[in-house]
């Protein structure tokens, strides 16, 4: 009896360590901000039935300022800025479309850019019980890395395959992103 109590007491720290191992770490702190760039995003809603695209609906073209950070671009994707003004009609409701982006410039003249678009309906189910957010109806994201500090960057966003497979009916967002200068350090 005494041995089994001792084993239980010894197992408790091990068990508590294992339970906290699944904690989600916070996002990295924002890197130094060098300035802002102008981002323009054109968003289209794509619908498919029977394995074919059945409808392409232009939703919006929005633009606004996004932050330009110093660094390799990894922390920038956690500190994107939202650009407001894009909406879509879905089942008789007007839903906001989240449009976000950021850029970064690293030493050695390398420029990074990241952007995302998503829409979450009010009746969305959670991605997972307890910890996760709601399942988007459609979301797409993309990032690009180029040499130098170009006057502008243009890239497309890729649909999230998980949200694409879970969508009923099958819908996704296509978006073209252009980020224009100033993508360089502010004068100090």
N, C-alpha and C. Protein backbone atom coordinates (compact mmCIF):
# COMPACT_ATOMS: atom_id res chain seq x y z
N UNK A 1 0.82 -1.20 0.00
CA UNK A 1 0.00 0.00 0.00
C UNK A 1 0.86 1.26 0.00
N UNK A 2 1.89 1.21 0.82
CA UNK A 2 2.77 2.36 0.92
C UNK A 2 3.53 2.61 -0.39
N UNK A 3 3.93 1.54 -1.05
CA UNK A 3 4.65 1.67 -2.31
C UNK A 3 3.76 2.29 -3.40
N UNK A 4 2.50 1.88 -3.45
CA UNK A 4 1.61 2.44 -4.48
C UNK A 4 1.35 3.93 -4.25
N UNK A 5 1.26 4.38 -3.00
CA UNK A 5 1.11 5.80 -2.71
C UNK A 5 2.36 6.57 -3.13
N UNK A 6 3.53 5.99 -2.87
CA UNK A 6 4.77 6.63 -3.26
C UNK A 6 4.85 6.77 -4.79
N UNK A 7 4.44 5.75 -5.51
CA UNK A 7 4.46 5.80 -6.98
C UNK A 7 3.50 6.88 -7.48
N UNK A 8 2.33 6.99 -6.86
CA UNK A 8 1.37 8.03 -7.25
C UNK A 8 1.96 9.41 -7.05
N UNK A 9 2.62 9.63 -5.91
CA UNK A 9 3.21 10.94 -5.62
C UNK A 9 4.35 11.27 -6.58
N UNK A 10 5.11 10.25 -6.95
CA UNK A 10 6.19 10.47 -7.91
C UNK A 10 5.67 10.70 -9.33
N UNK A 11 4.52 10.12 -9.64
CA UNK A 11 3.96 10.26 -10.98
C UNK A 11 3.28 11.61 -11.19
N UNK A 12 2.85 12.25 -10.11
CA UNK A 12 2.16 13.54 -10.22
C UNK A 12 2.97 14.62 -10.93
N UNK A 13 4.24 14.87 -10.57
CA UNK A 13 5.00 15.89 -11.31
C UNK A 13 5.18 15.54 -12.79
N UNK A 14 5.37 14.26 -13.07
CA UNK A 14 5.51 13.83 -14.46
C UNK A 14 4.22 14.07 -15.24
N UNK A 15 3.09 13.76 -14.63
CA UNK A 15 1.80 13.97 -15.27
C UNK A 15 1.54 15.46 -15.49
N UNK A 16 1.82 16.30 -14.51
CA UNK A 16 1.58 17.74 -14.67
C UNK A 16 2.49 18.33 -15.74
N UNK A 17 3.70 17.84 -15.88
CA UNK A 17 4.60 18.29 -16.93
C UNK A 17 4.06 17.91 -18.30
N UNK A 18 3.54 16.71 -18.42
CA UNK A 18 3.00 16.24 -19.69
C UNK A 18 1.76 17.03 -20.09
N UNK A 19 0.93 17.42 -19.14
CA UNK A 19 -0.27 18.17 -19.46
C UNK A 19 0.05 19.57 -19.97
N UNK A 20 1.07 20.22 -19.44
CA UNK A 20 1.41 21.57 -19.87
C UNK A 20 2.23 21.58 -21.16
N UNK A 21 2.69 20.43 -21.61
CA UNK A 21 3.51 20.37 -22.82
C UNK A 21 2.71 20.75 -24.07
N UNK A 22 1.40 20.69 -24.02
CA UNK A 22 0.57 20.99 -25.18
C UNK A 22 0.10 22.45 -25.22
N UNK A 23 0.62 23.28 -24.34
CA UNK A 23 0.23 24.69 -24.33
C UNK A 23 0.70 25.38 -25.60
N UNK A 24 -0.10 26.30 -26.10
CA UNK A 24 0.24 27.04 -27.32
C UNK A 24 1.06 28.26 -26.92
N UNK A 25 2.26 28.39 -27.47
CA UNK A 25 3.10 29.53 -27.09
C UNK A 25 2.52 30.83 -27.66
N UNK A 26 2.78 31.96 -27.01
CA UNK A 26 2.31 33.22 -27.54
C UNK A 26 3.08 33.58 -28.82
N UNK A 27 2.51 34.47 -29.66
CA UNK A 27 3.24 34.87 -30.86
C UNK A 27 4.51 35.63 -30.47
N UNK A 28 5.50 35.64 -31.34
CA UNK A 28 6.73 36.37 -31.03
C UNK A 28 6.43 37.87 -30.91
N UNK A 29 7.25 38.58 -30.15
CA UNK A 29 7.01 40.03 -30.04
C UNK A 29 7.24 40.69 -31.39
N UNK A 30 6.58 41.83 -31.63
CA UNK A 30 6.77 42.47 -32.93
C UNK A 30 8.20 42.97 -33.08
N UNK A 31 8.79 42.80 -34.25
CA UNK A 31 10.13 43.34 -34.51
C UNK A 31 10.03 44.86 -34.66
N UNK A 32 11.16 45.54 -34.74
CA UNK A 32 11.11 47.00 -34.93
C UNK A 32 10.37 47.34 -36.24
N UNK A 33 9.49 48.34 -36.16
CA UNK A 33 8.76 48.76 -37.35
C UNK A 33 9.55 49.84 -38.08
N UNK A 34 9.78 49.62 -39.37
CA UNK A 34 10.57 50.54 -40.19
C UNK A 34 9.71 51.61 -40.86
N UNK A 35 8.46 51.32 -41.06
CA UNK A 35 7.57 52.25 -41.75
C UNK A 35 6.30 51.55 -42.16
N UNK A 36 5.68 52.05 -43.22
CA UNK A 36 4.46 51.45 -43.74
C UNK A 36 4.54 51.35 -45.26
N UNK A 37 3.75 50.44 -45.80
CA UNK A 37 3.63 50.29 -47.25
C UNK A 37 2.15 50.27 -47.59
N UNK A 38 1.84 50.56 -48.82
CA UNK A 38 0.46 50.54 -49.29
C UNK A 38 0.16 49.15 -49.84
N UNK A 39 -0.92 48.51 -49.35
CA UNK A 39 -1.32 47.20 -49.84
C UNK A 39 -2.69 47.30 -50.50
N UNK A 40 -2.81 46.76 -51.70
CA UNK A 40 -4.08 46.69 -52.41
C UNK A 40 -4.39 45.22 -52.67
N UNK A 41 -5.61 44.82 -52.33
CA UNK A 41 -6.02 43.42 -52.46
C UNK A 41 -7.33 43.35 -53.24
N UNK A 42 -7.35 42.51 -54.28
CA UNK A 42 -8.56 42.24 -55.05
C UNK A 42 -9.01 40.83 -54.69
N UNK A 43 -10.26 40.71 -54.19
CA UNK A 43 -10.76 39.43 -53.67
C UNK A 43 -11.94 38.95 -54.52
N UNK A 44 -11.93 37.64 -54.84
CA UNK A 44 -13.02 37.00 -55.57
C UNK A 44 -13.48 35.76 -54.79
N UNK A 45 -14.79 35.52 -54.79
CA UNK A 45 -15.35 34.31 -54.21
C UNK A 45 -15.53 33.29 -55.32
N UNK A 46 -14.94 32.13 -55.14
CA UNK A 46 -15.04 31.06 -56.13
C UNK A 46 -15.96 29.97 -55.57
N UNK A 47 -16.88 29.48 -56.40
CA UNK A 47 -17.79 28.41 -55.99
C UNK A 47 -17.66 27.26 -56.98
N UNK A 48 -17.73 26.04 -56.46
CA UNK A 48 -17.60 24.85 -57.31
C UNK A 48 -18.71 23.87 -57.01
N UNK A 49 -19.11 23.14 -58.04
CA UNK A 49 -20.05 22.03 -57.85
C UNK A 49 -19.67 20.92 -58.82
N UNK A 50 -19.79 19.72 -58.37
CA UNK A 50 -19.44 18.53 -59.17
C UNK A 50 -18.02 18.60 -59.72
N UNK A 51 -17.08 19.14 -58.92
CA UNK A 51 -15.67 19.17 -59.30
C UNK A 51 -15.29 20.26 -60.28
N UNK A 52 -16.20 21.19 -60.58
CA UNK A 52 -15.90 22.26 -61.53
C UNK A 52 -16.27 23.61 -60.93
N UNK A 53 -15.51 24.62 -61.31
CA UNK A 53 -15.83 25.98 -60.87
C UNK A 53 -17.13 26.38 -61.54
N UNK A 54 -18.13 26.73 -60.73
CA UNK A 54 -19.44 27.08 -61.28
C UNK A 54 -19.69 28.59 -61.26
N UNK A 55 -18.97 29.31 -60.40
CA UNK A 55 -19.23 30.75 -60.30
C UNK A 55 -18.01 31.45 -59.72
N UNK A 56 -17.68 32.61 -60.28
CA UNK A 56 -16.62 33.47 -59.75
C UNK A 56 -17.23 34.85 -59.54
N UNK A 57 -17.27 35.29 -58.28
CA UNK A 57 -17.90 36.56 -57.94
C UNK A 57 -16.87 37.54 -57.42
N UNK A 58 -16.66 38.68 -58.10
CA UNK A 58 -15.76 39.70 -57.55
C UNK A 58 -16.38 40.26 -56.27
N UNK A 59 -15.60 40.31 -55.20
CA UNK A 59 -16.11 40.81 -53.91
C UNK A 59 -15.69 42.25 -53.66
N UNK A 60 -14.39 42.55 -53.83
CA UNK A 60 -13.94 43.89 -53.49
C UNK A 60 -12.51 44.11 -53.96
N UNK A 61 -12.15 45.39 -53.96
CA UNK A 61 -10.75 45.79 -54.07
C UNK A 61 -10.56 46.81 -52.96
N UNK A 62 -9.73 46.47 -51.98
CA UNK A 62 -9.48 47.36 -50.85
C UNK A 62 -8.00 47.68 -50.78
N UNK A 63 -7.70 48.84 -50.21
CA UNK A 63 -6.29 49.18 -50.02
C UNK A 63 -6.14 49.96 -48.73
N UNK A 64 -4.93 49.89 -48.18
CA UNK A 64 -4.61 50.58 -46.94
C UNK A 64 -3.16 50.38 -46.58
N UNK A 65 -2.77 51.01 -45.49
CA UNK A 65 -1.37 50.93 -45.04
C UNK A 65 -1.16 49.69 -44.19
N UNK A 66 -0.03 49.01 -44.44
CA UNK A 66 0.37 47.85 -43.63
C UNK A 66 1.77 48.12 -43.08
N UNK A 67 2.11 47.52 -41.94
CA UNK A 67 3.42 47.77 -41.35
C UNK A 67 4.55 47.11 -42.12
N UNK A 68 5.71 47.73 -42.09
CA UNK A 68 6.95 47.16 -42.64
C UNK A 68 7.90 47.01 -41.46
N UNK A 69 8.29 45.78 -41.17
CA UNK A 69 9.14 45.47 -40.04
C UNK A 69 10.57 45.21 -40.49
N UNK A 70 11.48 45.26 -39.54
CA UNK A 70 12.86 44.83 -39.77
C UNK A 70 12.92 43.33 -39.48
N UNK A 71 13.71 42.60 -40.23
CA UNK A 71 13.89 41.19 -39.92
C UNK A 71 13.60 40.27 -41.07
N UNK A 72 13.54 38.96 -40.74
CA UNK A 72 13.44 37.92 -41.76
C UNK A 72 12.02 37.60 -42.20
N UNK A 73 11.03 38.33 -41.72
CA UNK A 73 9.67 38.12 -42.18
C UNK A 73 8.85 37.18 -41.33
N UNK A 74 9.49 36.29 -40.56
CA UNK A 74 8.73 35.33 -39.76
C UNK A 74 7.84 36.02 -38.73
N UNK A 75 8.36 36.95 -37.90
CA UNK A 75 7.48 37.61 -36.94
C UNK A 75 6.42 38.49 -37.60
N UNK A 76 6.68 38.99 -38.80
CA UNK A 76 5.72 39.88 -39.46
C UNK A 76 4.39 39.19 -39.70
N UNK A 77 4.41 37.88 -39.99
CA UNK A 77 3.15 37.19 -40.26
C UNK A 77 2.25 37.10 -39.04
N UNK A 78 2.79 37.31 -37.85
CA UNK A 78 1.99 37.30 -36.62
C UNK A 78 1.50 38.70 -36.25
N UNK A 79 1.94 39.71 -36.98
CA UNK A 79 1.59 41.09 -36.66
C UNK A 79 1.06 41.83 -37.88
N UNK A 80 0.23 41.12 -38.66
CA UNK A 80 -0.38 41.74 -39.83
C UNK A 80 -1.40 42.79 -39.39
N UNK A 81 -1.61 43.77 -40.23
CA UNK A 81 -2.62 44.81 -39.97
C UNK A 81 -3.83 44.55 -40.86
N UNK A 82 -5.01 44.78 -40.30
CA UNK A 82 -6.26 44.57 -41.04
C UNK A 82 -6.60 45.80 -41.88
N UNK A 83 -7.10 45.54 -43.09
CA UNK A 83 -7.62 46.58 -43.96
C UNK A 83 -9.13 46.34 -44.06
N UNK A 84 -9.91 47.31 -43.67
CA UNK A 84 -11.37 47.17 -43.60
C UNK A 84 -12.02 47.56 -44.91
N UNK A 85 -13.24 47.09 -45.12
CA UNK A 85 -14.04 47.53 -46.24
C UNK A 85 -14.49 46.45 -47.19
N UNK A 86 -14.06 45.21 -46.99
CA UNK A 86 -14.46 44.13 -47.89
C UNK A 86 -15.57 43.32 -47.23
N UNK A 87 -16.65 43.07 -47.99
CA UNK A 87 -17.76 42.26 -47.50
C UNK A 87 -18.22 41.32 -48.59
N UNK A 88 -19.00 40.32 -48.20
CA UNK A 88 -19.61 39.42 -49.18
C UNK A 88 -21.00 39.03 -48.72
N UNK A 89 -21.88 38.74 -49.68
CA UNK A 89 -23.22 38.26 -49.37
C UNK A 89 -23.18 36.74 -49.26
N UNK A 90 -23.78 36.22 -48.19
CA UNK A 90 -23.82 34.77 -48.00
C UNK A 90 -25.10 34.42 -47.25
N UNK A 91 -25.96 33.62 -47.87
CA UNK A 91 -27.22 33.19 -47.27
C UNK A 91 -28.04 34.37 -46.75
N UNK A 92 -28.13 35.40 -47.55
CA UNK A 92 -28.94 36.56 -47.20
C UNK A 92 -28.30 37.53 -46.22
N UNK A 93 -27.06 37.29 -45.82
CA UNK A 93 -26.39 38.18 -44.88
C UNK A 93 -25.16 38.79 -45.54
N UNK A 94 -24.78 39.97 -45.05
CA UNK A 94 -23.54 40.60 -45.52
C UNK A 94 -22.47 40.30 -44.46
N UNK A 95 -21.44 39.54 -44.86
CA UNK A 95 -20.38 39.12 -43.94
C UNK A 95 -19.11 39.92 -44.20
N UNK A 96 -18.41 40.33 -43.12
CA UNK A 96 -17.13 41.01 -43.33
C UNK A 96 -16.06 40.02 -43.77
N UNK A 97 -15.23 40.44 -44.71
CA UNK A 97 -14.09 39.64 -45.16
C UNK A 97 -12.85 40.26 -44.54
N UNK A 98 -12.13 39.48 -43.76
CA UNK A 98 -10.90 39.96 -43.12
C UNK A 98 -9.77 39.97 -44.15
N UNK A 99 -9.15 41.13 -44.34
CA UNK A 99 -8.02 41.29 -45.26
C UNK A 99 -6.86 41.83 -44.42
N UNK A 100 -5.74 41.10 -44.37
CA UNK A 100 -4.61 41.49 -43.52
C UNK A 100 -3.30 41.36 -44.28
N UNK A 101 -2.29 42.12 -43.83
CA UNK A 101 -0.99 42.00 -44.47
C UNK A 101 0.10 42.70 -43.69
N UNK A 102 1.34 42.40 -44.04
CA UNK A 102 2.53 43.02 -43.45
C UNK A 102 3.70 42.75 -44.39
N UNK A 103 4.78 43.49 -44.18
CA UNK A 103 6.01 43.29 -44.95
C UNK A 103 7.19 43.39 -44.00
N UNK A 104 8.35 42.92 -44.45
CA UNK A 104 9.57 43.00 -43.65
C UNK A 104 10.76 43.14 -44.58
N UNK A 105 11.77 43.83 -44.10
CA UNK A 105 13.02 44.01 -44.85
C UNK A 105 14.15 43.52 -43.97
N UNK A 106 14.95 42.59 -44.52
CA UNK A 106 16.07 42.02 -43.76
C UNK A 106 17.38 42.63 -44.23
N UNK A 107 18.40 42.44 -43.41
CA UNK A 107 19.74 42.87 -43.82
C UNK A 107 20.13 42.14 -45.09
N UNK A 108 20.90 42.77 -45.90
CA UNK A 108 21.29 42.15 -47.17
C UNK A 108 20.26 42.38 -48.25
N UNK A 109 19.35 43.34 -48.05
CA UNK A 109 18.34 43.70 -49.05
C UNK A 109 17.49 42.52 -49.49
N UNK A 110 16.77 41.95 -48.56
CA UNK A 110 15.78 40.92 -48.86
C UNK A 110 14.45 41.42 -48.32
N UNK A 111 13.41 41.36 -49.14
CA UNK A 111 12.09 41.84 -48.76
C UNK A 111 11.13 40.66 -48.67
N UNK A 112 10.33 40.67 -47.60
CA UNK A 112 9.32 39.65 -47.37
C UNK A 112 7.96 40.33 -47.34
N UNK A 113 6.91 39.64 -47.76
CA UNK A 113 5.54 40.15 -47.63
C UNK A 113 4.63 38.99 -47.31
N UNK A 114 3.60 39.26 -46.53
CA UNK A 114 2.62 38.25 -46.16
C UNK A 114 1.24 38.88 -46.19
N UNK A 115 0.23 38.09 -46.58
CA UNK A 115 -1.14 38.58 -46.62
C UNK A 115 -2.10 37.41 -46.43
N UNK A 116 -3.32 37.74 -45.98
CA UNK A 116 -4.35 36.72 -45.82
C UNK A 116 -5.73 37.34 -45.97
N UNK A 117 -6.69 36.52 -46.41
CA UNK A 117 -8.09 36.91 -46.48
C UNK A 117 -8.92 35.76 -45.92
N UNK A 118 -9.97 36.08 -45.18
CA UNK A 118 -10.84 35.02 -44.65
C UNK A 118 -12.21 35.58 -44.33
N UNK A 119 -13.18 34.68 -44.31
CA UNK A 119 -14.54 35.04 -43.93
C UNK A 119 -15.09 33.93 -43.04
N UNK A 120 -15.69 34.35 -41.91
CA UNK A 120 -16.24 33.41 -40.94
C UNK A 120 -17.74 33.71 -40.79
N UNK A 121 -18.61 32.75 -41.13
CA UNK A 121 -20.05 32.99 -40.99
C UNK A 121 -20.46 32.96 -39.52
N UNK A 122 -21.59 33.59 -39.18
CA UNK A 122 -22.01 33.62 -37.77
C UNK A 122 -22.36 32.24 -37.21
N UNK A 123 -22.73 31.29 -38.07
CA UNK A 123 -23.07 29.95 -37.59
C UNK A 123 -21.90 28.97 -37.69
N UNK A 124 -20.67 29.49 -37.74
CA UNK A 124 -19.48 28.64 -37.91
C UNK A 124 -19.27 27.75 -36.69
N UNK A 125 -18.83 26.52 -36.95
CA UNK A 125 -18.50 25.58 -35.88
C UNK A 125 -17.06 25.79 -35.45
N UNK A 126 -16.73 25.47 -34.18
CA UNK A 126 -15.33 25.59 -33.75
C UNK A 126 -14.45 24.59 -34.47
N UNK A 127 -13.20 24.98 -34.71
CA UNK A 127 -12.22 24.08 -35.35
C UNK A 127 -11.93 22.89 -34.45
N UNK A 128 -11.84 23.14 -33.15
CA UNK A 128 -11.62 22.07 -32.18
C UNK A 128 -12.27 22.52 -30.87
N UNK A 129 -12.69 21.60 -30.03
CA UNK A 129 -13.38 21.99 -28.80
C UNK A 129 -12.46 22.74 -27.84
N UNK A 130 -12.95 23.85 -27.32
CA UNK A 130 -12.25 24.55 -26.25
C UNK A 130 -11.23 25.57 -26.65
N UNK A 131 -10.20 25.21 -27.42
CA UNK A 131 -9.06 26.10 -27.62
C UNK A 131 -9.07 26.85 -28.95
N UNK A 132 -9.63 26.30 -29.99
CA UNK A 132 -9.50 26.88 -31.32
C UNK A 132 -10.61 27.88 -31.60
N UNK A 133 -10.38 28.69 -32.62
CA UNK A 133 -11.39 29.64 -33.07
C UNK A 133 -12.41 28.95 -33.96
N UNK A 134 -13.22 29.75 -34.62
CA UNK A 134 -14.26 29.22 -35.49
C UNK A 134 -13.71 28.82 -36.85
N UNK A 135 -14.36 27.84 -37.47
CA UNK A 135 -13.96 27.35 -38.79
C UNK A 135 -14.37 28.38 -39.84
N UNK A 136 -13.40 28.96 -40.57
CA UNK A 136 -13.78 29.93 -41.61
C UNK A 136 -14.54 29.24 -42.73
N UNK A 137 -15.44 29.98 -43.35
CA UNK A 137 -16.11 29.49 -44.55
C UNK A 137 -15.07 29.36 -45.66
N UNK A 138 -14.18 30.34 -45.73
CA UNK A 138 -13.10 30.33 -46.72
C UNK A 138 -11.96 31.18 -46.20
N UNK A 139 -10.74 30.72 -46.40
CA UNK A 139 -9.58 31.55 -46.07
C UNK A 139 -8.41 31.18 -46.98
N UNK A 140 -7.64 32.19 -47.32
CA UNK A 140 -6.48 32.03 -48.18
C UNK A 140 -5.36 32.88 -47.63
N UNK A 141 -4.13 32.44 -47.88
CA UNK A 141 -2.98 33.21 -47.41
C UNK A 141 -1.81 33.00 -48.36
N UNK A 142 -0.81 33.85 -48.21
CA UNK A 142 0.38 33.73 -49.04
C UNK A 142 1.50 34.58 -48.50
N UNK A 143 2.70 34.20 -48.87
CA UNK A 143 3.87 35.01 -48.53
C UNK A 143 4.87 34.92 -49.66
N UNK A 144 5.71 35.94 -49.75
CA UNK A 144 6.68 36.01 -50.83
C UNK A 144 7.98 36.57 -50.27
N UNK A 145 9.10 36.15 -50.87
CA UNK A 145 10.42 36.63 -50.48
C UNK A 145 11.16 36.97 -51.77
N UNK A 146 11.70 38.20 -51.86
CA UNK A 146 12.42 38.61 -53.05
C UNK A 146 13.73 39.29 -52.66
N UNK A 147 14.67 39.28 -53.57
CA UNK A 147 15.94 39.98 -53.36
C UNK A 147 15.73 41.47 -53.59
N UNK A 148 16.43 42.26 -52.81
CA UNK A 148 16.37 43.71 -52.97
C UNK A 148 15.16 44.32 -52.30
N UNK A 149 14.95 45.59 -52.57
CA UNK A 149 13.78 46.32 -52.07
C UNK A 149 13.03 46.87 -53.28
N UNK A 150 12.20 46.04 -53.92
CA UNK A 150 11.52 46.46 -55.14
C UNK A 150 10.50 47.55 -54.88
N UNK A 151 10.17 48.26 -55.92
CA UNK A 151 9.16 49.32 -55.82
C UNK A 151 7.79 48.74 -55.48
N UNK A 152 7.49 47.52 -55.96
CA UNK A 152 6.23 46.86 -55.61
C UNK A 152 6.40 45.35 -55.66
N UNK A 153 5.54 44.67 -54.93
CA UNK A 153 5.48 43.20 -54.91
C UNK A 153 4.05 42.81 -55.26
N UNK A 154 3.88 41.85 -56.15
CA UNK A 154 2.56 41.35 -56.49
C UNK A 154 2.59 39.83 -56.36
N UNK A 155 1.59 39.29 -55.65
CA UNK A 155 1.51 37.84 -55.48
C UNK A 155 0.07 37.43 -55.23
N UNK A 156 -0.21 36.15 -55.45
CA UNK A 156 -1.55 35.60 -55.22
C UNK A 156 -1.59 34.83 -53.92
N UNK A 157 -2.79 34.64 -53.41
CA UNK A 157 -2.98 33.89 -52.17
C UNK A 157 -3.49 32.49 -52.49
N UNK A 158 -3.09 31.53 -51.67
CA UNK A 158 -3.47 30.13 -51.85
C UNK A 158 -4.56 29.75 -50.85
N UNK A 159 -5.65 29.09 -51.31
CA UNK A 159 -6.70 28.68 -50.38
C UNK A 159 -6.19 27.67 -49.36
N UNK A 160 -6.70 27.77 -48.15
CA UNK A 160 -6.41 26.80 -47.10
C UNK A 160 -7.14 25.52 -47.47
N UNK A 161 -6.41 24.44 -47.70
CA UNK A 161 -7.04 23.21 -48.18
C UNK A 161 -8.00 22.62 -47.16
N UNK A 162 -7.74 22.79 -45.86
CA UNK A 162 -8.63 22.25 -44.85
C UNK A 162 -9.99 22.94 -44.89
N UNK A 163 -10.00 24.28 -45.00
CA UNK A 163 -11.28 24.98 -45.07
C UNK A 163 -11.97 24.68 -46.40
N UNK A 164 -11.20 24.49 -47.45
CA UNK A 164 -11.76 24.16 -48.77
C UNK A 164 -12.47 22.81 -48.72
N UNK A 165 -11.88 21.83 -48.07
CA UNK A 165 -12.49 20.50 -47.97
C UNK A 165 -13.71 20.49 -47.06
N UNK A 166 -13.71 21.34 -46.01
CA UNK A 166 -14.82 21.36 -45.07
C UNK A 166 -15.97 22.23 -45.51
N UNK A 167 -15.80 23.09 -46.52
CA UNK A 167 -16.85 24.02 -46.94
C UNK A 167 -17.97 23.28 -47.66
N UNK A 168 -19.21 23.59 -47.28
CA UNK A 168 -20.40 23.06 -47.95
C UNK A 168 -21.31 24.22 -48.25
N UNK A 169 -21.51 24.63 -49.47
CA UNK A 169 -20.93 24.12 -50.71
C UNK A 169 -19.44 24.46 -50.80
N UNK A 170 -18.76 23.92 -51.79
CA UNK A 170 -17.33 24.13 -51.94
C UNK A 170 -17.08 25.56 -52.43
N UNK A 171 -16.48 26.37 -51.55
CA UNK A 171 -16.16 27.76 -51.88
C UNK A 171 -14.75 28.07 -51.40
N UNK A 172 -14.13 29.05 -52.03
CA UNK A 172 -12.83 29.53 -51.56
C UNK A 172 -12.66 30.96 -52.03
N UNK A 173 -11.68 31.63 -51.45
CA UNK A 173 -11.37 33.00 -51.81
C UNK A 173 -10.10 33.03 -52.64
N UNK A 174 -10.14 33.73 -53.77
CA UNK A 174 -8.94 34.01 -54.55
C UNK A 174 -8.61 35.47 -54.34
N UNK A 175 -7.34 35.80 -54.24
CA UNK A 175 -6.96 37.20 -54.03
C UNK A 175 -5.63 37.49 -54.70
N UNK A 176 -5.54 38.69 -55.25
CA UNK A 176 -4.29 39.21 -55.80
C UNK A 176 -3.86 40.37 -54.91
N UNK A 177 -2.61 40.36 -54.50
CA UNK A 177 -2.08 41.34 -53.55
C UNK A 177 -0.96 42.13 -54.21
N UNK A 178 -0.98 43.44 -54.03
CA UNK A 178 0.12 44.30 -54.46
C UNK A 178 0.52 45.17 -53.28
N UNK A 179 1.79 45.10 -52.92
CA UNK A 179 2.33 45.94 -51.86
C UNK A 179 3.35 46.88 -52.51
N UNK A 180 3.13 48.18 -52.33
CA UNK A 180 4.01 49.17 -52.96
C UNK A 180 4.77 49.96 -51.91
N UNK A 181 5.89 50.54 -52.33
CA UNK A 181 6.76 51.29 -51.44
C UNK A 181 6.03 52.47 -50.85
N UNK A 182 6.49 53.01 -49.77
CA UNK A 182 7.84 52.87 -49.25
C UNK A 182 8.03 51.58 -48.45
N UNK A 183 8.85 50.65 -48.96
CA UNK A 183 9.26 49.47 -48.22
C UNK A 183 10.73 49.68 -47.87
N UNK A 184 11.01 50.69 -47.08
CA UNK A 184 12.38 50.92 -46.66
C UNK A 184 12.36 51.65 -45.33
N UNK A 185 13.49 51.73 -44.74
CA UNK A 185 13.63 52.28 -43.39
C UNK A 185 13.29 53.76 -43.34
N UNK A 186 12.62 54.16 -42.27
CA UNK A 186 12.33 55.58 -42.05
C UNK A 186 13.61 56.30 -41.68
N UNK A 187 13.68 57.54 -42.03
CA UNK A 187 14.83 58.38 -41.59
C UNK A 187 14.70 58.63 -40.11
N UNK A 188 15.81 58.55 -39.42
CA UNK A 188 15.78 58.76 -37.96
C UNK A 188 16.37 60.06 -37.59
